[in-house]
Amino acid sequence: MRAYNILLVITLVLMAILGAGCTDTNPEPSQNQSEASLTGTLSPDLSSTASPEELIAFVENAYEYANVQGQEAALREFNNQTGQFVDGELYIFAYDIDGTTLALPFQPEIIGTDRWNITDANGTAYIQEMAATAQSNGSLFRYLYVDPADNFTVKQKLSYVMMVDDEWFLGAGIYDSQAV
């Protein structure tokens, strides 16, 4: 009976040790995960959907921040995935007037690239449209763009952009819930 109790204790200890290894909180990435998640890029939390009015207020707040803090500090904050300019689905993006990406927190590999001639699925050169819209006192406009919170699915996006100074502009956008 004593041998049975010892064997039972050893078995329970081994099961506890082996069971502890089965609670891995960081599984290996699957084939279906986006490249951004494979490189450790975060996706925005879509806990709430912003209204167009909230979108405009968010961009205007970023504009004020950029004017007070200066371009370098502002871009550092805009590119911070956990910073104050990532709020639910909203995040600030920024480009220079020639289409070079200055801030895009969920696609950091694009920072510094020229996107002037990039077109969406409808053939719209949306960076050129952003620049023109920003230069004409800012406004809302629609285009197609990948949603980083939905495995980079192409969706209709409503964005608001405005010039910070003569050299660069910033904006943010909200996605329609349906993929294109």
N, C-alpha and C. Protein backbone atom coordinates (compact mmCIF):
# COMPACT_ATOMS: atom_id res chain seq x y z
N MET A 1 0.82 -1.19 0.00
CA MET A 1 0.00 0.00 0.00
C MET A 1 0.86 1.25 0.00
N ARG A 2 1.99 1.20 0.75
CA ARG A 2 2.90 2.34 0.80
C ARG A 2 3.49 2.61 -0.58
N ALA A 3 3.86 1.59 -1.29
CA ALA A 3 4.41 1.73 -2.64
C ALA A 3 3.37 2.36 -3.57
N TYR A 4 2.12 1.95 -3.41
CA TYR A 4 1.04 2.51 -4.21
C TYR A 4 0.89 4.01 -3.96
N ASN A 5 0.95 4.46 -2.71
CA ASN A 5 0.83 5.88 -2.37
C ASN A 5 1.99 6.68 -2.94
N ILE A 6 3.20 6.13 -2.87
CA ILE A 6 4.37 6.82 -3.42
C ILE A 6 4.22 6.94 -4.93
N LEU A 7 3.81 5.87 -5.58
CA LEU A 7 3.61 5.88 -7.03
C LEU A 7 2.52 6.89 -7.41
N LEU A 8 1.46 6.97 -6.63
CA LEU A 8 0.39 7.92 -6.88
C LEU A 8 0.88 9.36 -6.75
N VAL A 9 1.67 9.67 -5.73
CA VAL A 9 2.21 11.01 -5.53
C VAL A 9 3.14 11.38 -6.68
N ILE A 10 4.01 10.45 -7.08
CA ILE A 10 4.94 10.72 -8.20
C ILE A 10 4.14 10.98 -9.47
N THR A 11 3.11 10.20 -9.72
CA THR A 11 2.28 10.38 -10.91
C THR A 11 1.60 11.75 -10.90
N LEU A 12 1.06 12.13 -9.75
CA LEU A 12 0.39 13.43 -9.65
C LEU A 12 1.38 14.58 -9.84
N VAL A 13 2.58 14.47 -9.30
CA VAL A 13 3.60 15.51 -9.47
C VAL A 13 3.99 15.61 -10.93
N LEU A 14 4.20 14.48 -11.60
CA LEU A 14 4.55 14.50 -13.02
C LEU A 14 3.43 15.12 -13.86
N MET A 15 2.19 14.78 -13.54
CA MET A 15 1.07 15.36 -14.28
C MET A 15 1.00 16.87 -14.08
N ALA A 16 1.27 17.32 -12.88
CA ALA A 16 1.26 18.76 -12.61
C ALA A 16 2.37 19.47 -13.39
N ILE A 17 3.54 18.86 -13.43
CA ILE A 17 4.67 19.45 -14.17
C ILE A 17 4.36 19.49 -15.66
N LEU A 18 3.89 18.37 -16.20
CA LEU A 18 3.58 18.33 -17.62
C LEU A 18 2.41 19.24 -17.97
N GLY A 19 1.42 19.31 -17.11
CA GLY A 19 0.27 20.18 -17.34
C GLY A 19 0.64 21.65 -17.35
N ALA A 20 1.63 22.04 -16.58
CA ALA A 20 2.05 23.44 -16.53
C ALA A 20 2.58 23.90 -17.87
N GLY A 21 3.17 23.02 -18.63
CA GLY A 21 3.70 23.38 -19.94
C GLY A 21 2.63 23.52 -21.00
N CYS A 22 1.41 23.14 -20.70
CA CYS A 22 0.32 23.20 -21.67
C CYS A 22 -0.46 24.50 -21.62
N THR A 23 0.00 25.45 -20.85
CA THR A 23 -0.72 26.72 -20.73
C THR A 23 0.05 27.85 -21.38
N ASP A 24 0.68 27.59 -22.50
CA ASP A 24 1.48 28.59 -23.21
C ASP A 24 0.60 29.75 -23.62
N THR A 25 0.94 30.96 -23.19
CA THR A 25 0.15 32.14 -23.54
C THR A 25 0.64 32.80 -24.82
N ASN A 26 1.73 32.38 -25.39
CA ASN A 26 2.26 32.92 -26.64
C ASN A 26 2.45 31.81 -27.65
N PRO A 27 1.37 31.32 -28.25
CA PRO A 27 1.51 30.25 -29.22
C PRO A 27 2.26 30.74 -30.45
N GLU A 28 2.79 29.79 -31.20
CA GLU A 28 3.47 30.13 -32.44
C GLU A 28 2.46 30.73 -33.40
N PRO A 29 2.86 31.71 -34.22
CA PRO A 29 1.91 32.32 -35.15
C PRO A 29 1.46 31.32 -36.20
N SER A 30 0.19 31.42 -36.58
CA SER A 30 -0.34 30.54 -37.61
C SER A 30 -0.05 31.10 -38.99
N GLN A 31 -0.29 30.30 -39.99
CA GLN A 31 -0.08 30.71 -41.38
C GLN A 31 -1.00 31.86 -41.75
N ASN A 32 -2.14 32.00 -41.07
CA ASN A 32 -3.13 33.01 -41.44
C ASN A 32 -2.90 34.36 -40.80
N GLN A 33 -1.93 34.50 -39.90
CA GLN A 33 -1.71 35.79 -39.26
C GLN A 33 -1.05 36.75 -40.24
N SER A 34 -1.35 38.03 -40.06
CA SER A 34 -0.79 39.05 -40.93
C SER A 34 0.69 39.23 -40.66
N GLU A 35 1.38 39.78 -41.64
CA GLU A 35 2.81 40.06 -41.49
C GLU A 35 3.05 40.99 -40.32
N ALA A 36 2.14 41.95 -40.11
CA ALA A 36 2.32 42.89 -39.01
C ALA A 36 2.32 42.17 -37.67
N SER A 37 1.43 41.19 -37.50
CA SER A 37 1.41 40.49 -36.22
C SER A 37 2.62 39.59 -36.09
N LEU A 38 3.17 39.12 -37.18
CA LEU A 38 4.37 38.29 -37.11
C LEU A 38 5.59 39.10 -36.72
N THR A 39 5.59 40.39 -37.02
CA THR A 39 6.73 41.22 -36.66
C THR A 39 6.52 41.90 -35.32
N GLY A 40 5.46 41.56 -34.63
CA GLY A 40 5.23 42.11 -33.29
C GLY A 40 4.44 43.41 -33.31
N THR A 41 3.95 43.82 -34.46
CA THR A 41 3.18 45.05 -34.55
C THR A 41 1.83 44.85 -33.89
N LEU A 42 1.43 45.80 -33.09
CA LEU A 42 0.13 45.75 -32.43
C LEU A 42 -0.96 46.18 -33.39
N SER A 43 -2.16 45.81 -33.10
CA SER A 43 -3.32 46.30 -33.84
C SER A 43 -4.14 47.16 -32.89
N PRO A 44 -4.81 48.18 -33.44
CA PRO A 44 -5.60 49.01 -32.56
C PRO A 44 -6.75 48.23 -31.94
N ASP A 45 -7.17 48.65 -30.78
CA ASP A 45 -8.29 48.06 -30.07
C ASP A 45 -9.57 48.67 -30.61
N LEU A 46 -10.43 47.85 -31.15
CA LEU A 46 -11.67 48.36 -31.74
C LEU A 46 -12.83 48.27 -30.75
N SER A 47 -12.59 48.70 -29.54
CA SER A 47 -13.62 48.60 -28.52
C SER A 47 -14.80 49.54 -28.80
N SER A 48 -14.59 50.58 -29.56
CA SER A 48 -15.69 51.47 -29.90
C SER A 48 -15.44 52.07 -31.28
N THR A 49 -16.52 52.43 -31.95
CA THR A 49 -16.41 53.05 -33.26
C THR A 49 -16.57 54.55 -33.09
N ALA A 50 -15.63 55.30 -33.62
CA ALA A 50 -15.66 56.75 -33.51
C ALA A 50 -16.62 57.33 -34.55
N SER A 51 -17.21 58.45 -34.22
CA SER A 51 -18.07 59.18 -35.14
C SER A 51 -17.20 60.13 -35.97
N PRO A 52 -17.71 60.65 -37.08
CA PRO A 52 -16.95 61.65 -37.83
C PRO A 52 -16.57 62.86 -36.98
N GLU A 53 -17.45 63.27 -36.07
CA GLU A 53 -17.14 64.41 -35.19
C GLU A 53 -15.97 64.08 -34.26
N GLU A 54 -15.96 62.86 -33.73
CA GLU A 54 -14.84 62.43 -32.87
C GLU A 54 -13.55 62.33 -33.67
N LEU A 55 -13.66 61.89 -34.91
CA LEU A 55 -12.51 61.81 -35.81
C LEU A 55 -11.90 63.19 -36.00
N ILE A 56 -12.71 64.17 -36.32
CA ILE A 56 -12.23 65.54 -36.54
C ILE A 56 -11.58 66.09 -35.27
N ALA A 57 -12.22 65.89 -34.13
CA ALA A 57 -11.66 66.38 -32.86
C ALA A 57 -10.33 65.71 -32.55
N PHE A 58 -10.21 64.42 -32.86
CA PHE A 58 -8.97 63.68 -32.63
C PHE A 58 -7.83 64.27 -33.47
N VAL A 59 -8.11 64.54 -34.74
CA VAL A 59 -7.09 65.12 -35.64
C VAL A 59 -6.73 66.53 -35.19
N GLU A 60 -7.71 67.33 -34.82
CA GLU A 60 -7.43 68.69 -34.36
C GLU A 60 -6.59 68.68 -33.08
N ASN A 61 -6.81 67.72 -32.20
CA ASN A 61 -5.99 67.57 -31.00
C ASN A 61 -4.54 67.24 -31.37
N ALA A 62 -4.36 66.36 -32.34
CA ALA A 62 -3.01 66.01 -32.80
C ALA A 62 -2.33 67.21 -33.45
N TYR A 63 -3.10 68.00 -34.20
CA TYR A 63 -2.58 69.21 -34.82
C TYR A 63 -2.05 70.17 -33.75
N GLU A 64 -2.85 70.38 -32.70
CA GLU A 64 -2.42 71.26 -31.60
C GLU A 64 -1.16 70.72 -30.94
N TYR A 65 -1.12 69.42 -30.71
CA TYR A 65 0.05 68.79 -30.10
C TYR A 65 1.30 69.03 -30.96
N ALA A 66 1.17 68.85 -32.27
CA ALA A 66 2.30 69.05 -33.18
C ALA A 66 2.77 70.49 -33.16
N ASN A 67 1.85 71.43 -33.10
CA ASN A 67 2.23 72.85 -33.06
C ASN A 67 2.92 73.23 -31.77
N VAL A 68 2.52 72.64 -30.66
CA VAL A 68 3.13 72.95 -29.37
C VAL A 68 4.45 72.21 -29.19
N GLN A 69 4.47 70.92 -29.50
CA GLN A 69 5.64 70.07 -29.23
C GLN A 69 6.69 70.09 -30.34
N GLY A 70 6.30 70.46 -31.54
CA GLY A 70 7.22 70.42 -32.67
C GLY A 70 7.13 69.10 -33.41
N GLN A 71 7.62 69.11 -34.65
CA GLN A 71 7.48 67.96 -35.53
C GLN A 71 8.14 66.69 -34.98
N GLU A 72 9.37 66.79 -34.53
CA GLU A 72 10.09 65.59 -34.08
C GLU A 72 9.38 64.90 -32.92
N ALA A 73 9.02 65.65 -31.89
CA ALA A 73 8.33 65.07 -30.73
C ALA A 73 6.95 64.54 -31.12
N ALA A 74 6.26 65.29 -31.97
CA ALA A 74 4.92 64.87 -32.39
C ALA A 74 4.99 63.56 -33.17
N LEU A 75 5.91 63.45 -34.11
CA LEU A 75 6.01 62.22 -34.90
C LEU A 75 6.39 61.03 -34.03
N ARG A 76 7.24 61.26 -33.06
CA ARG A 76 7.61 60.19 -32.13
C ARG A 76 6.35 59.70 -31.39
N GLU A 77 5.52 60.63 -30.95
CA GLU A 77 4.29 60.25 -30.24
C GLU A 77 3.27 59.62 -31.19
N PHE A 78 3.14 60.15 -32.40
CA PHE A 78 2.18 59.60 -33.37
C PHE A 78 2.55 58.17 -33.76
N ASN A 79 3.83 57.84 -33.78
CA ASN A 79 4.28 56.49 -34.14
C ASN A 79 4.29 55.53 -32.96
N ASN A 80 3.98 56.01 -31.77
CA ASN A 80 3.95 55.17 -30.57
C ASN A 80 2.61 54.42 -30.53
N GLN A 81 2.67 53.11 -30.73
CA GLN A 81 1.44 52.30 -30.79
C GLN A 81 0.64 52.31 -29.49
N THR A 82 1.27 52.65 -28.39
CA THR A 82 0.55 52.72 -27.12
C THR A 82 0.47 54.16 -26.60
N GLY A 83 0.71 55.12 -27.48
CA GLY A 83 0.72 56.52 -27.08
C GLY A 83 -0.66 57.14 -27.07
N GLN A 84 -0.68 58.43 -26.79
CA GLN A 84 -1.95 59.14 -26.65
C GLN A 84 -2.69 59.38 -27.97
N PHE A 85 -2.03 59.13 -29.10
CA PHE A 85 -2.69 59.33 -30.39
C PHE A 85 -3.06 58.02 -31.07
N VAL A 86 -3.25 57.00 -30.25
CA VAL A 86 -3.88 55.75 -30.67
C VAL A 86 -5.00 55.54 -29.66
N ASP A 87 -6.23 55.63 -30.16
CA ASP A 87 -7.39 55.58 -29.27
C ASP A 87 -8.48 54.74 -29.93
N GLY A 88 -8.63 53.51 -29.49
CA GLY A 88 -9.58 52.62 -30.14
C GLY A 88 -9.16 52.42 -31.58
N GLU A 89 -10.08 52.66 -32.50
CA GLU A 89 -9.75 52.49 -33.91
C GLU A 89 -9.00 53.70 -34.49
N LEU A 90 -8.92 54.78 -33.75
CA LEU A 90 -8.27 55.99 -34.24
C LEU A 90 -6.77 55.97 -34.00
N TYR A 91 -6.03 56.36 -35.02
CA TYR A 91 -4.59 56.57 -34.89
C TYR A 91 -4.20 57.65 -35.89
N ILE A 92 -3.19 58.41 -35.53
CA ILE A 92 -2.73 59.50 -36.40
C ILE A 92 -1.73 58.96 -37.41
N PHE A 93 -1.89 59.39 -38.66
CA PHE A 93 -0.88 59.16 -39.70
C PHE A 93 -0.39 60.53 -40.15
N ALA A 94 0.81 60.57 -40.71
CA ALA A 94 1.36 61.85 -41.19
C ALA A 94 2.24 61.60 -42.40
N TYR A 95 2.24 62.59 -43.31
CA TYR A 95 3.04 62.54 -44.53
C TYR A 95 3.64 63.91 -44.78
N ASP A 96 4.79 63.93 -45.45
CA ASP A 96 5.27 65.23 -45.90
C ASP A 96 4.52 65.57 -47.18
N ILE A 97 4.65 66.78 -47.63
CA ILE A 97 3.85 67.27 -48.75
C ILE A 97 4.16 66.54 -50.06
N ASP A 98 5.28 65.81 -50.10
CA ASP A 98 5.65 65.04 -51.29
C ASP A 98 5.25 63.57 -51.19
N GLY A 99 4.56 63.19 -50.11
CA GLY A 99 4.05 61.82 -49.99
C GLY A 99 4.93 60.85 -49.24
N THR A 100 5.97 61.33 -48.58
CA THR A 100 6.81 60.44 -47.77
C THR A 100 6.12 60.21 -46.43
N THR A 101 6.02 58.95 -46.03
CA THR A 101 5.35 58.59 -44.79
C THR A 101 6.17 59.03 -43.59
N LEU A 102 5.56 59.79 -42.70
CA LEU A 102 6.22 60.25 -41.48
C LEU A 102 5.69 59.53 -40.24
N ALA A 103 4.43 59.17 -40.23
CA ALA A 103 3.84 58.46 -39.09
C ALA A 103 2.77 57.50 -39.58
N LEU A 104 2.88 56.27 -39.14
CA LEU A 104 1.91 55.22 -39.43
C LEU A 104 2.15 54.11 -38.41
N PRO A 105 1.58 54.26 -37.20
CA PRO A 105 1.99 53.42 -36.07
C PRO A 105 1.81 51.92 -36.25
N PHE A 106 0.88 51.47 -37.07
CA PHE A 106 0.65 50.04 -37.21
C PHE A 106 1.27 49.46 -38.48
N GLN A 107 2.02 50.28 -39.19
CA GLN A 107 2.81 49.82 -40.33
C GLN A 107 4.16 50.53 -40.31
N PRO A 108 4.95 50.33 -39.25
CA PRO A 108 6.21 51.07 -39.11
C PRO A 108 7.20 50.81 -40.23
N GLU A 109 7.06 49.69 -40.92
CA GLU A 109 7.97 49.39 -42.03
C GLU A 109 7.79 50.35 -43.20
N ILE A 110 6.71 51.11 -43.20
CA ILE A 110 6.43 52.06 -44.29
C ILE A 110 7.00 53.44 -44.00
N ILE A 111 7.36 53.72 -42.75
CA ILE A 111 7.91 55.04 -42.39
C ILE A 111 9.12 55.34 -43.28
N GLY A 112 9.13 56.54 -43.85
CA GLY A 112 10.23 56.97 -44.71
C GLY A 112 10.08 56.60 -46.17
N THR A 113 9.02 55.90 -46.53
CA THR A 113 8.83 55.51 -47.93
C THR A 113 7.98 56.54 -48.67
N ASP A 114 8.24 56.67 -49.96
CA ASP A 114 7.49 57.58 -50.83
C ASP A 114 6.24 56.85 -51.29
N ARG A 115 5.08 57.36 -50.92
CA ARG A 115 3.81 56.73 -51.28
C ARG A 115 2.96 57.63 -52.18
N TRP A 116 3.60 58.62 -52.79
CA TRP A 116 2.88 59.61 -53.59
C TRP A 116 2.01 58.97 -54.67
N ASN A 117 2.53 57.97 -55.35
CA ASN A 117 1.81 57.37 -56.48
C ASN A 117 1.04 56.10 -56.12
N ILE A 118 0.96 55.77 -54.83
CA ILE A 118 0.20 54.59 -54.40
C ILE A 118 -1.28 54.82 -54.70
N THR A 119 -1.93 53.79 -55.23
CA THR A 119 -3.36 53.89 -55.50
C THR A 119 -4.11 52.82 -54.71
N ASP A 120 -5.38 53.10 -54.45
CA ASP A 120 -6.21 52.10 -53.78
C ASP A 120 -6.82 51.17 -54.83
N ALA A 121 -7.69 50.27 -54.41
CA ALA A 121 -8.28 49.29 -55.31
C ALA A 121 -9.13 49.93 -56.41
N ASN A 122 -9.56 51.16 -56.21
CA ASN A 122 -10.34 51.89 -57.22
C ASN A 122 -9.45 52.72 -58.14
N GLY A 123 -8.14 52.69 -57.92
CA GLY A 123 -7.22 53.48 -58.74
C GLY A 123 -7.02 54.90 -58.25
N THR A 124 -7.53 55.22 -57.09
CA THR A 124 -7.39 56.56 -56.52
C THR A 124 -6.01 56.73 -55.90
N ALA A 125 -5.28 57.76 -56.32
CA ALA A 125 -3.98 58.08 -55.71
C ALA A 125 -4.29 58.83 -54.41
N TYR A 126 -4.59 58.08 -53.37
CA TYR A 126 -5.15 58.68 -52.15
C TYR A 126 -4.18 59.55 -51.38
N ILE A 127 -2.89 59.33 -51.46
CA ILE A 127 -1.94 60.22 -50.78
C ILE A 127 -1.95 61.59 -51.47
N GLN A 128 -2.04 61.59 -52.79
CA GLN A 128 -2.15 62.85 -53.53
C GLN A 128 -3.44 63.57 -53.14
N GLU A 129 -4.53 62.81 -53.01
CA GLU A 129 -5.80 63.41 -52.59
C GLU A 129 -5.71 63.96 -51.17
N MET A 130 -5.03 63.21 -50.30
CA MET A 130 -4.84 63.70 -48.92
C MET A 130 -4.11 65.03 -48.92
N ALA A 131 -3.02 65.10 -49.68
CA ALA A 131 -2.21 66.32 -49.71
C ALA A 131 -3.04 67.49 -50.24
N ALA A 132 -3.77 67.27 -51.32
CA ALA A 132 -4.60 68.33 -51.90
C ALA A 132 -5.70 68.75 -50.92
N THR A 133 -6.32 67.78 -50.27
CA THR A 133 -7.37 68.08 -49.30
C THR A 133 -6.82 68.87 -48.12
N ALA A 134 -5.67 68.43 -47.61
CA ALA A 134 -5.06 69.12 -46.46
C ALA A 134 -4.69 70.55 -46.83
N GLN A 135 -4.16 70.75 -48.06
CA GLN A 135 -3.75 72.09 -48.49
C GLN A 135 -4.94 73.02 -48.69
N SER A 136 -6.12 72.47 -48.89
CA SER A 136 -7.30 73.32 -49.06
C SER A 136 -8.12 73.36 -47.77
N ASN A 137 -7.41 73.61 -46.66
CA ASN A 137 -8.00 73.79 -45.33
C ASN A 137 -8.55 72.53 -44.68
N GLY A 138 -8.19 71.38 -45.20
CA GLY A 138 -8.59 70.12 -44.58
C GLY A 138 -10.05 69.79 -44.79
N SER A 139 -10.33 68.50 -44.77
CA SER A 139 -11.69 68.05 -44.98
C SER A 139 -11.76 66.54 -44.80
N LEU A 140 -12.97 66.02 -44.88
CA LEU A 140 -13.21 64.59 -44.88
C LEU A 140 -13.19 64.07 -46.31
N PHE A 141 -12.71 62.85 -46.51
CA PHE A 141 -12.82 62.20 -47.81
C PHE A 141 -12.74 60.69 -47.63
N ARG A 142 -13.21 59.95 -48.66
CA ARG A 142 -13.25 58.49 -48.61
C ARG A 142 -12.28 57.88 -49.62
N TYR A 143 -11.75 56.72 -49.24
CA TYR A 143 -10.87 55.93 -50.10
C TYR A 143 -10.81 54.53 -49.53
N LEU A 144 -10.14 53.62 -50.22
CA LEU A 144 -9.98 52.25 -49.74
C LEU A 144 -8.62 52.10 -49.09
N TYR A 145 -8.59 51.41 -47.94
CA TYR A 145 -7.32 51.20 -47.24
C TYR A 145 -7.41 49.94 -46.40
N VAL A 146 -6.27 49.34 -46.10
CA VAL A 146 -6.25 48.14 -45.27
C VAL A 146 -6.50 48.50 -43.81
N ASP A 147 -7.28 47.66 -43.15
CA ASP A 147 -7.62 47.86 -41.73
C ASP A 147 -6.69 47.00 -40.88
N PRO A 148 -5.73 47.61 -40.16
CA PRO A 148 -4.79 46.81 -39.37
C PRO A 148 -5.44 46.04 -38.24
N ALA A 149 -6.63 46.42 -37.84
CA ALA A 149 -7.33 45.72 -36.76
C ALA A 149 -8.14 44.54 -37.27
N ASP A 150 -8.21 44.37 -38.59
CA ASP A 150 -8.98 43.28 -39.18
C ASP A 150 -8.11 42.54 -40.19
N ASN A 151 -6.94 42.10 -39.74
CA ASN A 151 -6.00 41.34 -40.57
C ASN A 151 -5.69 42.03 -41.89
N PHE A 152 -5.63 43.36 -41.88
CA PHE A 152 -5.28 44.16 -43.04
C PHE A 152 -6.24 43.91 -44.21
N THR A 153 -7.53 43.74 -43.89
CA THR A 153 -8.58 43.61 -44.89
C THR A 153 -8.84 44.98 -45.51
N VAL A 154 -9.02 45.04 -46.84
CA VAL A 154 -9.30 46.31 -47.51
C VAL A 154 -10.73 46.74 -47.20
N LYS A 155 -10.85 47.98 -46.71
CA LYS A 155 -12.17 48.53 -46.36
C LYS A 155 -12.26 49.99 -46.80
N GLN A 156 -13.49 50.45 -46.90
CA GLN A 156 -13.75 51.87 -47.15
C GLN A 156 -13.34 52.64 -45.89
N LYS A 157 -12.58 53.73 -46.09
CA LYS A 157 -12.12 54.52 -44.96
C LYS A 157 -12.52 55.98 -45.16
N LEU A 158 -13.00 56.58 -44.09
CA LEU A 158 -13.32 58.01 -44.07
C LEU A 158 -12.23 58.67 -43.25
N SER A 159 -11.48 59.58 -43.88
CA SER A 159 -10.38 60.25 -43.17
C SER A 159 -10.57 61.75 -43.15
N TYR A 160 -9.93 62.36 -42.17
CA TYR A 160 -9.88 63.81 -42.05
C TYR A 160 -8.41 64.18 -41.97
N VAL A 161 -7.98 65.12 -42.83
CA VAL A 161 -6.58 65.55 -42.86
C VAL A 161 -6.48 67.06 -42.77
N MET A 162 -5.35 67.53 -42.25
CA MET A 162 -5.09 68.97 -42.20
C MET A 162 -3.59 69.22 -42.21
N MET A 163 -3.20 70.34 -42.78
CA MET A 163 -1.79 70.75 -42.82
C MET A 163 -1.34 71.15 -41.43
N VAL A 164 -0.11 70.76 -41.07
CA VAL A 164 0.48 71.24 -39.82
C VAL A 164 1.25 72.51 -40.12
N ASP A 165 2.03 72.48 -41.20
CA ASP A 165 2.71 73.67 -41.73
C ASP A 165 2.86 73.44 -43.23
N ASP A 166 3.70 74.21 -43.89
CA ASP A 166 3.83 74.09 -45.35
C ASP A 166 4.49 72.78 -45.78
N GLU A 167 5.09 72.06 -44.85
CA GLU A 167 5.88 70.88 -45.20
C GLU A 167 5.20 69.53 -44.96
N TRP A 168 4.24 69.47 -44.03
CA TRP A 168 3.64 68.16 -43.72
C TRP A 168 2.21 68.29 -43.23
N PHE A 169 1.49 67.16 -43.35
CA PHE A 169 0.10 67.11 -42.91
C PHE A 169 -0.13 65.84 -42.10
N LEU A 170 -1.21 65.86 -41.34
CA LEU A 170 -1.56 64.69 -40.54
C LEU A 170 -3.05 64.42 -40.69
N GLY A 171 -3.44 63.25 -40.26
CA GLY A 171 -4.84 62.88 -40.33
C GLY A 171 -5.11 61.60 -39.57
N ALA A 172 -6.35 61.19 -39.63
CA ALA A 172 -6.79 59.92 -39.05
C ALA A 172 -8.03 59.50 -39.82
N GLY A 173 -8.44 58.27 -39.63
CA GLY A 173 -9.61 57.79 -40.34
C GLY A 173 -10.37 56.75 -39.56
N ILE A 174 -11.60 56.53 -40.01
CA ILE A 174 -12.43 55.47 -39.45
C ILE A 174 -12.86 54.57 -40.59
N TYR A 175 -13.01 53.29 -40.28
CA TYR A 175 -13.36 52.30 -41.29
C TYR A 175 -14.84 51.98 -41.26
N ASP A 176 -15.38 51.71 -42.46
CA ASP A 176 -16.71 51.12 -42.52
C ASP A 176 -16.55 49.68 -42.05
N SER A 177 -17.59 49.11 -41.48
CA SER A 177 -17.47 47.77 -40.90
C SER A 177 -17.39 46.67 -41.95
N GLN A 178 -17.80 46.94 -43.16
CA GLN A 178 -17.80 45.90 -44.19
C GLN A 178 -16.52 45.93 -45.01
N ALA A 179 -15.95 44.76 -45.24
CA ALA A 179 -14.78 44.66 -46.11
C ALA A 179 -15.23 44.89 -47.55
N VAL A 180 -14.32 45.39 -48.36
CA VAL A 180 -14.62 45.66 -49.77
C VAL A 180 -14.45 44.40 -50.58
